Amino acid sequence: MDKGKAVMGSGRRWAVEFTDNSASHSLRDIPDPPGFTRSSQEQDDSAVSKQKKDAEANWKAQKAWEVAQAPFKNLFMMAFMMWMAGSTVHLFSIGITFSALLQPVNALRGVGKVFEPYKDNKVDLMLPKLVFIALNLVGLGLGVWKLNTLGLLPTHVSDWVSSLPPAQEVEYSGGGVPLY
């Protein structure tokens, strides 16, 4: 006796055939129960998934803007630390200044990596990236300004004297013979 097949005279009215692997049967061949339409279910699923995708895109855009504005908080802290370091050249002020220069440079090198988690077809990351770059350039300018106030930037002519050629002699003077 085969399993799952109805056999005449066995007294069973119903049997299930488990061995039928034909590709002709699919979910579309089975009629929907009364009061249920498959198309409305698919529409509801697509509407819900669209809402979820929109919500995720909005969340990604919001987080991208938060990341873009994060260097703004760092600017005030770095400016305060540079002010507290003073304008004399010593180890602490030089360390703070080079930290102020290094942080924006590293941030600018990794802009793509910073915004990678927020990349989406529906989210435009160009403006947050530009804000991020602009704020880091302001931080870099702050560090360069501090280098200038410490006198570590060669901005005067006297800083370049060693690279200038010697001046040519314009007139000669002769030794101590009086001309009467």
Foldseek 3Di string as FASTA:
>chain_A
DDAQDDDPPPPDDDGHDPPDPDPVDDPVPDDDDPPDDVVVVVVVVVVVVVVVVVVLLVVLQVVLLVLLCVLVVVLVVLLVLLVVVDQEDDDSNVVSLVVLQPVLVVCVVCLCVSSVVSDDPSHDNPVSSVSSNVSSVVSNVSSVVSCVSNVNDPDDPVSCVVVDDDDDDDDDDDDDDDDD
